[in-house]
């Protein structure tokens, strides 16, 4: 009987230890990149990223997904249709692939122009165009486009970002300090996939989801 009681106690305490170890803290749940659930008509989301060393980075990012078909003979067909953004289009683009360079030929103000993308990451797909390409669109602003193996091209342009530090206070609020601004005692709730900041007035909140590139 005593042996059974000891065994039961061991099982009970083992379950407690496992459950306590598996439960992530708010600090652990915050780690990573988040984006707002709503996009502007220009398809821009706000982002916030927490990393080791109590570092936080905020910014904006243009995120657009296109349907594409690469015909392999220098013709790239791209289309976009989404009621949440400002326009829809269907376009046939002339491109040239040279090793790790993608040259997009376009007409700008009536004049021919080459837009040059450099390969960042190559995918193991059937088309050479698959993978991630990048180009600098402004000083310190780099655009990326990823051609997936399932017919979607993901176009991303991050804005200039603002870097700061953060800490979780004893009352479980969040303080974020940036060079020109400090956000004091921000109430928040966080789960594995959602982050919500609660305003000081009833009904005020900002809702984020875990960012997916």
Protein backbone atom coordinates (compact mmCIF):
# COMPACT_ATOMS: atom_id res chain seq x y z
CA UNK A 1 0.00 0.00 0.00
CA UNK A 2 2.81 2.40 0.96
CA UNK A 3 4.57 1.58 -2.32
CA UNK A 4 1.40 2.45 -4.28
CA UNK A 5 1.07 5.79 -2.44
CA UNK A 6 4.72 6.62 -3.15
CA UNK A 7 4.23 5.77 -6.82
CA UNK A 8 1.10 7.92 -7.01
CA UNK A 9 2.93 10.82 -5.41
CA UNK A 10 5.79 10.46 -7.86
CA UNK A 11 3.39 10.48 -10.81
CA UNK A 12 1.54 13.51 -9.39
CA UNK A 13 4.70 15.56 -8.89
CA UNK A 14 6.05 14.51 -12.30
CA UNK A 15 2.88 15.84 -13.95
CA UNK A 16 3.25 19.12 -12.03
CA UNK A 17 6.86 19.50 -13.11
CA UNK A 18 6.09 18.74 -16.77
CA UNK A 19 3.14 21.15 -16.88
CA UNK A 20 5.11 23.92 -15.21
CA UNK A 21 8.05 23.45 -17.58
CA UNK A 22 5.82 23.40 -20.69
CA UNK A 23 4.02 26.64 -19.83
CA UNK A 24 5.70 29.57 -21.54
CA UNK A 25 6.13 32.86 -19.72
CA UNK A 26 4.95 36.20 -21.20
CA UNK A 27 8.59 37.05 -21.88
CA UNK A 28 9.00 33.87 -23.93
CA UNK A 29 5.70 34.33 -25.75
CA UNK A 30 6.61 37.90 -26.76
CA UNK A 31 9.73 36.77 -28.62
CA UNK A 32 9.57 37.15 -32.39
CA UNK A 33 7.90 39.36 -34.97
CA UNK A 34 4.27 40.51 -34.87
CA UNK A 35 2.10 42.40 -37.35
CA UNK A 36 -1.24 44.19 -37.14
CA UNK A 37 -4.30 42.22 -38.14
CA UNK A 38 -5.56 45.01 -40.41
CA UNK A 39 -3.84 46.36 -43.51
CA UNK A 40 -4.23 49.82 -45.00
CA UNK A 41 -5.67 50.19 -48.51
CA UNK A 42 -2.06 50.44 -49.66
CA UNK A 43 -1.48 46.97 -48.11
CA UNK A 44 0.77 48.24 -45.30
CA UNK A 45 0.94 46.59 -41.88
CA UNK A 46 2.58 47.81 -38.69
CA UNK A 47 5.16 45.48 -37.18
CA UNK A 48 6.80 45.01 -33.80
CA UNK A 49 9.60 42.56 -33.04
CA UNK A 50 10.96 41.47 -29.65
CA UNK A 51 14.35 39.78 -29.37
CA UNK A 52 16.94 38.69 -26.84
CA UNK A 53 18.58 41.34 -24.70
CA UNK A 54 15.30 43.21 -24.21
CA UNK A 55 15.47 44.67 -27.71
CA UNK A 56 12.36 45.85 -29.57
CA UNK A 57 11.98 47.12 -33.15
CA UNK A 58 8.87 48.78 -34.60
CA UNK A 59 8.11 49.76 -38.17
CA UNK A 60 5.79 49.38 -41.13
CA UNK A 61 5.91 46.92 -43.99
CA UNK A 62 4.26 46.72 -47.37
CA UNK A 63 3.02 43.16 -47.90
CA UNK A 64 1.45 42.06 -51.17
CA UNK A 65 0.88 38.54 -52.48
CA UNK A 66 0.55 37.91 -56.21
CA UNK A 67 -0.44 34.97 -58.33
CA UNK A 68 2.32 34.27 -60.82
CA UNK A 69 3.24 31.96 -63.67
CA UNK A 70 6.75 31.77 -65.06
CA UNK A 71 6.71 30.36 -68.57
CA UNK A 72 10.43 29.78 -68.70
CA UNK A 73 10.95 31.74 -71.93
CA UNK A 74 11.45 35.14 -70.35
CA UNK A 75 7.74 35.73 -69.74
CA UNK A 76 6.41 36.22 -66.22
CA UNK A 77 2.66 36.64 -65.75
CA UNK A 78 1.57 38.23 -62.47
CA UNK A 79 -1.88 39.11 -61.19
CA UNK A 80 -3.29 40.60 -58.04
CA UNK A 81 -6.90 40.98 -56.99
CA UNK A 82 -7.86 41.84 -53.42
CA UNK A 83 -10.73 43.97 -52.19
CA UNK A 84 -8.68 45.07 -49.18
CA UNK A 85 -6.10 46.89 -51.29
CA UNK A 86 -6.28 49.85 -53.60
CA UNK A 87 -6.06 48.17 -57.00
CA UNK A 88 -6.14 44.96 -59.01
CA UNK A 89 -4.10 44.11 -62.08
CA UNK A 90 -2.92 41.50 -64.56
CA UNK A 91 0.49 42.05 -66.08
CA UNK A 92 2.85 40.27 -68.43
CA UNK A 93 6.48 41.03 -67.59
CA UNK A 94 9.58 40.38 -69.65
CA UNK A 95 12.40 39.03 -67.48
CA UNK A 96 15.90 37.69 -67.99
CA UNK A 97 17.58 35.23 -65.62
CA UNK A 98 21.37 35.27 -65.48
CA UNK A 99 22.72 33.01 -62.74
CA UNK A 100 21.81 34.88 -59.55
CA UNK A 101 20.49 38.01 -61.26
CA UNK A 102 16.88 38.64 -62.30
CA UNK A 103 16.40 41.50 -64.76
CA UNK A 104 12.88 42.86 -65.05
CA UNK A 105 12.24 44.92 -68.17
CA UNK A 106 9.69 47.71 -67.80
CA UNK A 107 8.60 51.01 -69.31
CA UNK A 108 8.93 54.00 -66.98
CA UNK A 109 7.64 57.39 -68.19
CA UNK A 110 7.74 56.09 -71.74
CA UNK A 111 11.34 54.93 -71.50
CA UNK A 112 12.64 51.35 -71.21
CA UNK A 113 14.19 50.54 -67.84
CA UNK A 114 15.78 47.48 -66.29
CA UNK A 115 14.99 46.62 -62.67
CA UNK A 116 17.70 44.34 -61.29
CA UNK A 117 17.07 41.83 -58.49
CA UNK A 118 19.82 39.79 -56.82
CA UNK A 119 19.16 36.29 -55.53
CA UNK A 120 19.11 36.05 -51.76
CA UNK A 121 17.99 32.45 -51.38
CA UNK A 122 17.54 29.72 -53.96
CA UNK A 123 14.67 27.26 -53.70
CA UNK A 124 14.78 23.64 -54.78
CA UNK A 125 11.98 24.08 -57.29
CA UNK A 126 11.48 23.18 -60.91
CA UNK A 127 11.76 26.81 -62.04
CA UNK A 128 14.95 28.84 -61.73
CA UNK A 129 12.93 31.84 -60.66
CA UNK A 130 11.78 30.19 -57.42
CA UNK A 131 13.33 31.51 -54.23
CA UNK A 132 13.89 34.96 -52.74
CA UNK A 133 15.26 37.99 -54.58
CA UNK A 134 16.14 41.42 -53.25
CA UNK A 135 17.00 44.95 -54.39
CA UNK A 136 17.60 48.28 -52.71
CA UNK A 137 14.70 50.65 -53.46
CA UNK A 138 15.93 53.49 -51.21
CA UNK A 139 18.99 53.97 -49.00
CA UNK A 140 18.78 51.31 -46.27
CA UNK A 141 15.41 50.06 -47.63
CA UNK A 142 15.60 46.63 -49.27
CA UNK A 143 12.64 45.07 -51.09
CA UNK A 144 12.23 41.29 -51.23
CA UNK A 145 10.15 39.11 -53.50
CA UNK A 146 9.78 35.37 -52.94
CA UNK A 147 8.51 33.16 -55.73
CA UNK A 148 7.07 30.06 -54.07
CA UNK A 149 6.63 26.63 -55.61
CA UNK A 150 2.83 26.94 -55.37
CA UNK A 151 2.28 29.93 -57.65
CA UNK A 152 2.36 32.77 -55.12
CA UNK A 153 4.89 35.62 -55.21
CA UNK A 154 5.33 37.41 -51.86
CA UNK A 155 6.42 41.02 -52.20
CA UNK A 156 7.74 42.79 -49.07
CA UNK A 157 9.17 46.27 -48.45
CA UNK A 158 9.97 47.18 -44.82
CA UNK A 159 10.09 50.83 -43.79
CA UNK A 160 12.87 52.46 -41.81
CA UNK A 161 12.59 50.92 -38.39
CA UNK A 162 12.84 52.37 -34.92
CA UNK A 163 14.90 50.44 -32.38
CA UNK A 164 14.52 50.53 -28.63
CA UNK A 165 14.42 48.45 -25.46
CA UNK A 166 11.59 46.98 -23.41
CA UNK A 167 10.88 45.47 -20.02
CA UNK A 168 7.96 43.71 -18.39
CA UNK A 169 7.05 45.43 -15.13
CA UNK A 170 6.07 43.78 -11.85
CA UNK A 171 2.40 44.49 -12.57
CA UNK A 172 2.83 42.59 -15.90
CA UNK A 173 2.57 45.74 -18.02
CA UNK A 174 5.06 46.55 -20.74
CA UNK A 175 7.36 49.58 -20.97
CA UNK A 176 9.08 50.34 -24.29
CA UNK A 177 11.78 52.98 -24.59
CA UNK A 178 12.76 54.52 -27.95
CA UNK A 179 15.16 57.43 -28.65
CA UNK A 180 12.37 60.03 -28.74
CA UNK A 181 9.42 58.25 -27.10
CA UNK A 182 8.68 56.12 -24.05
CA UNK A 183 5.54 54.02 -23.76
CA UNK A 184 4.90 53.52 -20.05
CA UNK A 185 3.02 50.61 -18.49
CA UNK A 186 1.22 49.28 -21.55
CA UNK A 187 -1.30 46.63 -20.54
CA UNK A 188 -1.14 43.59 -22.81
CA UNK A 189 -2.14 39.99 -23.22
CA UNK A 190 -0.13 37.50 -25.27
CA UNK A 191 -0.66 33.94 -26.46
CA UNK A 192 1.27 31.80 -28.90
CA UNK A 193 -0.31 33.53 -31.92
CA UNK A 194 -1.90 36.79 -30.71
CA UNK A 195 -0.67 39.95 -29.00
CA UNK A 196 -3.11 42.62 -27.82
CA UNK A 197 -2.28 46.00 -26.30
CA UNK A 198 -5.07 47.49 -24.19
CA UNK A 199 -5.53 51.29 -24.14
CA UNK A 200 -6.17 53.36 -21.05
CA UNK A 201 -9.68 54.15 -22.34
CA UNK A 202 -12.38 51.44 -22.58
CA UNK A 203 -12.46 49.85 -26.02
CA UNK A 204 -8.98 51.01 -27.01
CA UNK A 205 -6.65 48.22 -28.12
CA UNK A 206 -4.18 47.23 -30.79
CA UNK A 207 -4.29 43.70 -32.08
CA UNK A 208 -1.32 41.80 -33.57
CA UNK A 209 -0.78 38.30 -34.90
CA UNK A 210 2.41 36.31 -35.25
CA UNK A 211 4.06 37.47 -38.50
CA UNK A 212 4.33 34.99 -41.34
CA UNK A 213 6.88 35.85 -44.01
